[in-house]
Structures are given as C-alpha cells and as structure tokens.
Amino acid sequence: MKIKKDDNIIVISGKDKGKTGKVIRAFPHESKVIVAGVNIKKIHKRPTKSSQKGQIVDQAAPIPVSNVMLVDPKTNKRTRVGYTIKDGKKTRTAKRSGATI
C-alpha cells in the first residue's frame, strides 16, 4: 500500500468524489484508510453514566485505498506513486512531477 498516515489525498470515486483530506490512520492489511472529513457516518452513543444523555456523533469511517489517490505536492493534482533509490535509501516520488513525498 503506497498511501501512509499524514498523506494528503483526493477521493476519486464514491459519494465523496473530489473531496481532499489528510490520512488519519491506515490499515494496510485491510487496504483501507481513514481520511479527515471524508466518509462521515453518524454513530449513536449510549450514555456511559446515569446522569449523561445519549448522543449522535459524526465519525469518519474507513474508505478503500483503491478509491483515493495521493495529491502531488508541487501541482496539487492527483498523482500516482513511484519509488526511487537515492544513496541506498528508498523514497516515494510523485509520478506527475517527480517530487519526493
């Protein structure tokens, strides 16, 4: 999986198509990511104490990695991710501009 935590992404398909956001958490074994402000679901919370009320909370749900693409840091457009080896270190690069991520 080429998308990691704190990457800026854009949604390319689904009900949130066109939205951008930052990856909060990545699940590589499930091929899903949680993105801030994307795929928001309403969660019904029960009261934890007798004096507290139940509530409805908005929470970001995981979205498949195949539905998102990385945002190029130079052009702010979506891009594919490649790898280059410099001085024995493997770095991620944007295919569109060649900038390191």
N, C-alpha and C. Protein backbone atom coordinates (compact mmCIF):
# COMPACT_ATOMS: atom_id res chain seq x y z
N MET A 1 0.85 -1.18 0.00
CA MET A 1 0.00 0.00 0.00
C MET A 1 0.89 1.24 0.00
N LYS A 2 0.65 2.13 -0.95
CA LYS A 2 1.54 3.27 -1.14
C LYS A 2 1.07 4.54 -0.44
N ILE A 3 -0.08 4.49 0.22
CA ILE A 3 -0.59 5.65 0.95
C ILE A 3 -0.38 5.42 2.44
N LYS A 4 0.18 6.42 3.11
CA LYS A 4 0.53 6.30 4.51
C LYS A 4 -0.12 7.41 5.33
N LYS A 5 0.04 7.32 6.64
CA LYS A 5 -0.51 8.31 7.56
C LYS A 5 0.08 9.69 7.25
N ASP A 6 -0.73 10.73 7.41
CA ASP A 6 -0.38 12.14 7.19
C ASP A 6 -0.20 12.52 5.72
N ASP A 7 -0.54 11.64 4.77
CA ASP A 7 -0.52 11.99 3.35
C ASP A 7 -1.76 12.79 3.00
N ASN A 8 -1.63 13.71 2.07
CA ASN A 8 -2.78 14.44 1.54
C ASN A 8 -3.30 13.66 0.35
N ILE A 9 -4.61 13.37 0.34
CA ILE A 9 -5.19 12.56 -0.72
C ILE A 9 -6.42 13.25 -1.29
N ILE A 10 -6.87 12.72 -2.43
CA ILE A 10 -8.13 13.15 -3.06
C ILE A 10 -8.94 11.89 -3.35
N VAL A 11 -10.24 11.96 -3.13
CA VAL A 11 -11.12 10.82 -3.38
C VAL A 11 -11.49 10.81 -4.85
N ILE A 12 -11.30 9.66 -5.53
CA ILE A 12 -11.53 9.59 -6.97
C ILE A 12 -12.82 8.87 -7.34
N SER A 13 -13.47 8.21 -6.37
CA SER A 13 -14.75 7.57 -6.67
C SER A 13 -15.57 7.42 -5.40
N GLY A 14 -16.87 7.26 -5.59
CA GLY A 14 -17.76 7.11 -4.45
C GLY A 14 -18.55 8.39 -4.18
N LYS A 15 -19.29 8.39 -3.07
CA LYS A 15 -20.17 9.52 -2.76
C LYS A 15 -19.39 10.79 -2.40
N ASP A 16 -18.14 10.66 -1.97
CA ASP A 16 -17.31 11.81 -1.60
C ASP A 16 -16.31 12.18 -2.69
N LYS A 17 -16.59 11.83 -3.93
CA LYS A 17 -15.67 12.08 -5.04
C LYS A 17 -15.30 13.56 -5.13
N GLY A 18 -13.99 13.83 -5.25
CA GLY A 18 -13.50 15.21 -5.37
C GLY A 18 -13.05 15.82 -4.06
N LYS A 19 -13.41 15.23 -2.93
CA LYS A 19 -13.01 15.78 -1.64
C LYS A 19 -11.54 15.45 -1.37
N THR A 20 -10.87 16.37 -0.68
CA THR A 20 -9.49 16.14 -0.29
C THR A 20 -9.39 16.12 1.23
N GLY A 21 -8.34 15.51 1.73
CA GLY A 21 -8.15 15.45 3.17
C GLY A 21 -6.84 14.78 3.52
N LYS A 22 -6.58 14.72 4.80
CA LYS A 22 -5.36 14.12 5.32
C LYS A 22 -5.67 12.75 5.91
N VAL A 23 -4.80 11.79 5.65
CA VAL A 23 -4.98 10.44 6.16
C VAL A 23 -4.72 10.45 7.66
N ILE A 24 -5.73 10.05 8.44
CA ILE A 24 -5.60 9.98 9.89
C ILE A 24 -4.98 8.65 10.31
N ARG A 25 -5.44 7.58 9.66
CA ARG A 25 -4.97 6.24 10.03
C ARG A 25 -5.03 5.34 8.80
N ALA A 26 -4.08 4.42 8.69
CA ALA A 26 -4.03 3.49 7.57
C ALA A 26 -4.12 2.05 8.08
N PHE A 27 -4.86 1.23 7.35
CA PHE A 27 -4.99 -0.20 7.67
C PHE A 27 -4.46 -1.00 6.48
N PRO A 28 -3.15 -1.28 6.43
CA PRO A 28 -2.57 -1.93 5.25
C PRO A 28 -3.09 -3.35 5.01
N HIS A 29 -3.40 -4.11 6.05
CA HIS A 29 -3.86 -5.48 5.86
C HIS A 29 -5.28 -5.52 5.30
N GLU A 30 -6.06 -4.47 5.55
CA GLU A 30 -7.42 -4.39 5.04
C GLU A 30 -7.50 -3.52 3.79
N SER A 31 -6.41 -2.87 3.41
CA SER A 31 -6.34 -1.94 2.28
C SER A 31 -7.36 -0.82 2.41
N LYS A 32 -7.43 -0.22 3.60
CA LYS A 32 -8.34 0.89 3.85
C LYS A 32 -7.62 2.00 4.59
N VAL A 33 -8.15 3.22 4.46
CA VAL A 33 -7.61 4.37 5.18
C VAL A 33 -8.76 5.19 5.75
N ILE A 34 -8.49 5.91 6.83
CA ILE A 34 -9.45 6.85 7.40
C ILE A 34 -8.94 8.25 7.08
N VAL A 35 -9.81 9.04 6.43
CA VAL A 35 -9.44 10.38 5.98
C VAL A 35 -10.31 11.39 6.71
N ALA A 36 -9.70 12.47 7.17
CA ALA A 36 -10.44 13.53 7.88
C ALA A 36 -11.44 14.18 6.95
N GLY A 37 -12.72 14.22 7.37
CA GLY A 37 -13.76 14.89 6.61
C GLY A 37 -14.35 14.10 5.45
N VAL A 38 -13.96 12.84 5.31
CA VAL A 38 -14.45 12.01 4.20
C VAL A 38 -15.12 10.77 4.77
N ASN A 39 -16.22 10.34 4.15
CA ASN A 39 -16.97 9.14 4.55
C ASN A 39 -17.43 9.24 6.01
N ILE A 40 -18.12 10.34 6.31
CA ILE A 40 -18.59 10.60 7.67
C ILE A 40 -19.87 9.80 7.92
N LYS A 41 -19.90 9.08 9.02
CA LYS A 41 -21.06 8.29 9.44
C LYS A 41 -21.56 8.82 10.77
N LYS A 42 -22.85 8.65 11.02
CA LYS A 42 -23.43 9.05 12.31
C LYS A 42 -23.43 7.84 13.22
N ILE A 43 -22.77 7.97 14.39
CA ILE A 43 -22.67 6.89 15.37
C ILE A 43 -23.56 7.25 16.55
N HIS A 44 -24.40 6.32 16.96
CA HIS A 44 -25.28 6.52 18.11
C HIS A 44 -24.57 6.03 19.36
N LYS A 45 -24.27 6.94 20.27
CA LYS A 45 -23.55 6.61 21.51
C LYS A 45 -24.54 6.46 22.65
N ARG A 46 -24.36 5.42 23.43
CA ARG A 46 -25.19 5.22 24.62
C ARG A 46 -24.63 6.04 25.77
N PRO A 47 -25.46 6.39 26.73
CA PRO A 47 -24.93 7.12 27.90
C PRO A 47 -24.04 6.20 28.73
N THR A 48 -22.88 6.72 29.16
CA THR A 48 -21.97 5.91 29.96
C THR A 48 -22.25 6.06 31.45
N LYS A 49 -22.87 7.15 31.85
CA LYS A 49 -23.23 7.37 33.25
C LYS A 49 -24.73 7.61 33.33
N SER A 50 -25.29 7.45 34.49
CA SER A 50 -26.74 7.65 34.63
C SER A 50 -27.14 9.11 34.46
N SER A 51 -26.23 10.03 34.73
CA SER A 51 -26.53 11.45 34.60
C SER A 51 -26.29 11.98 33.18
N GLN A 52 -25.73 11.15 32.32
CA GLN A 52 -25.37 11.57 30.98
C GLN A 52 -26.45 11.17 29.97
N LYS A 53 -26.58 11.92 28.89
CA LYS A 53 -27.54 11.60 27.85
C LYS A 53 -26.84 10.88 26.71
N GLY A 54 -27.62 10.11 25.95
CA GLY A 54 -27.10 9.51 24.73
C GLY A 54 -26.95 10.59 23.67
N GLN A 55 -26.12 10.33 22.68
CA GLN A 55 -25.88 11.35 21.66
C GLN A 55 -25.56 10.72 20.31
N ILE A 56 -25.67 11.52 19.28
CA ILE A 56 -25.32 11.10 17.93
C ILE A 56 -24.06 11.85 17.54
N VAL A 57 -23.00 11.11 17.19
CA VAL A 57 -21.69 11.69 16.91
C VAL A 57 -21.31 11.40 15.47
N ASP A 58 -20.73 12.40 14.78
CA ASP A 58 -20.19 12.19 13.44
C ASP A 58 -18.80 11.60 13.55
N GLN A 59 -18.54 10.51 12.81
CA GLN A 59 -17.25 9.84 12.89
C GLN A 59 -16.82 9.42 11.49
N ALA A 60 -15.53 9.56 11.17
CA ALA A 60 -15.01 9.16 9.87
C ALA A 60 -14.85 7.65 9.82
N ALA A 61 -15.35 7.04 8.76
CA ALA A 61 -15.27 5.59 8.58
C ALA A 61 -14.18 5.28 7.55
N PRO A 62 -13.64 4.06 7.57
CA PRO A 62 -12.60 3.70 6.59
C PRO A 62 -13.12 3.72 5.16
N ILE A 63 -12.22 4.05 4.23
CA ILE A 63 -12.53 4.08 2.81
C ILE A 63 -11.48 3.23 2.10
N PRO A 64 -11.84 2.47 1.07
CA PRO A 64 -10.86 1.63 0.37
C PRO A 64 -9.75 2.47 -0.27
N VAL A 65 -8.54 1.95 -0.26
CA VAL A 65 -7.39 2.65 -0.83
C VAL A 65 -7.54 2.81 -2.34
N SER A 66 -8.27 1.90 -2.98
CA SER A 66 -8.46 2.00 -4.42
C SER A 66 -9.31 3.20 -4.81
N ASN A 67 -10.01 3.82 -3.87
CA ASN A 67 -10.86 4.97 -4.15
C ASN A 67 -10.16 6.30 -3.89
N VAL A 68 -8.89 6.29 -3.51
CA VAL A 68 -8.17 7.53 -3.23
C VAL A 68 -6.86 7.56 -4.00
N MET A 69 -6.38 8.79 -4.26
CA MET A 69 -5.06 8.99 -4.87
C MET A 69 -4.33 10.08 -4.12
N LEU A 70 -3.03 10.02 -4.15
CA LEU A 70 -2.19 10.99 -3.49
C LEU A 70 -2.22 12.32 -4.24
N VAL A 71 -2.13 13.42 -3.49
CA VAL A 71 -2.07 14.76 -4.09
C VAL A 71 -0.60 15.14 -4.26
N ASP A 72 -0.26 15.55 -5.48
CA ASP A 72 1.12 15.96 -5.79
C ASP A 72 1.46 17.24 -5.02
N PRO A 73 2.58 17.27 -4.28
CA PRO A 73 2.92 18.47 -3.51
C PRO A 73 3.23 19.70 -4.37
N LYS A 74 3.69 19.52 -5.61
CA LYS A 74 4.02 20.66 -6.46
C LYS A 74 2.80 21.21 -7.19
N THR A 75 2.01 20.34 -7.81
CA THR A 75 0.93 20.78 -8.68
C THR A 75 -0.45 20.74 -8.02
N ASN A 76 -0.57 20.14 -6.86
CA ASN A 76 -1.84 19.98 -6.14
C ASN A 76 -2.88 19.23 -6.97
N LYS A 77 -2.43 18.34 -7.85
CA LYS A 77 -3.31 17.46 -8.61
C LYS A 77 -3.02 16.03 -8.19
N ARG A 78 -3.95 15.13 -8.51
CA ARG A 78 -3.73 13.74 -8.10
C ARG A 78 -2.61 13.11 -8.91
N THR A 79 -1.91 12.17 -8.30
CA THR A 79 -0.77 11.54 -8.94
C THR A 79 -0.59 10.11 -8.47
N ARG A 80 0.09 9.35 -9.27
CA ARG A 80 0.47 8.00 -8.87
C ARG A 80 1.77 8.08 -8.08
N VAL A 81 2.11 7.00 -7.38
CA VAL A 81 3.29 7.00 -6.53
C VAL A 81 4.31 6.03 -7.11
N GLY A 82 5.57 6.48 -7.17
CA GLY A 82 6.66 5.61 -7.59
C GLY A 82 7.75 5.62 -6.52
N TYR A 83 8.72 4.78 -6.70
CA TYR A 83 9.83 4.70 -5.76
C TYR A 83 11.14 4.93 -6.50
N THR A 84 12.05 5.68 -5.87
CA THR A 84 13.40 5.86 -6.40
C THR A 84 14.39 5.56 -5.28
N ILE A 85 15.55 5.11 -5.67
CA ILE A 85 16.59 4.80 -4.69
C ILE A 85 17.70 5.82 -4.84
N LYS A 86 17.93 6.59 -3.77
CA LYS A 86 18.99 7.59 -3.76
C LYS A 86 19.89 7.32 -2.56
N ASP A 87 21.16 7.17 -2.79
CA ASP A 87 22.15 6.92 -1.74
C ASP A 87 21.76 5.72 -0.87
N GLY A 88 21.20 4.69 -1.49
CA GLY A 88 20.83 3.48 -0.76
C GLY A 88 19.54 3.58 0.02
N LYS A 89 18.81 4.71 -0.10
CA LYS A 89 17.54 4.87 0.60
C LYS A 89 16.41 4.90 -0.42
N LYS A 90 15.33 4.19 -0.11
CA LYS A 90 14.17 4.13 -0.97
C LYS A 90 13.21 5.24 -0.59
N THR A 91 12.87 6.11 -1.54
CA THR A 91 11.97 7.23 -1.26
C THR A 91 10.78 7.19 -2.22
N ARG A 92 9.64 7.68 -1.73
CA ARG A 92 8.45 7.77 -2.58
C ARG A 92 8.52 9.05 -3.39
N THR A 93 8.13 8.95 -4.66
CA THR A 93 8.12 10.11 -5.54
C THR A 93 6.79 10.18 -6.27
N ALA A 94 6.40 11.40 -6.63
CA ALA A 94 5.18 11.61 -7.41
C ALA A 94 5.51 11.38 -8.88
N LYS A 95 4.70 10.59 -9.55
CA LYS A 95 4.93 10.31 -10.96
C LYS A 95 4.67 11.54 -11.83
N ARG A 96 3.76 12.41 -11.42
CA ARG A 96 3.39 13.57 -12.22
C ARG A 96 4.53 14.59 -12.31
N SER A 97 5.14 14.93 -11.17
CA SER A 97 6.17 15.98 -11.16
C SER A 97 7.56 15.47 -10.78
N GLY A 98 7.63 14.28 -10.23
CA GLY A 98 8.93 13.74 -9.81
C GLY A 98 9.36 14.22 -8.44
N ALA A 99 8.50 14.96 -7.74
CA ALA A 99 8.84 15.47 -6.40
C ALA A 99 8.81 14.35 -5.38
N THR A 100 9.69 14.43 -4.40
CA THR A 100 9.67 13.43 -3.32
C THR A 100 8.53 13.74 -2.36
N ILE A 101 7.98 12.69 -1.82
CA ILE A 101 6.83 12.83 -0.93
C ILE A 101 7.29 12.63 0.50
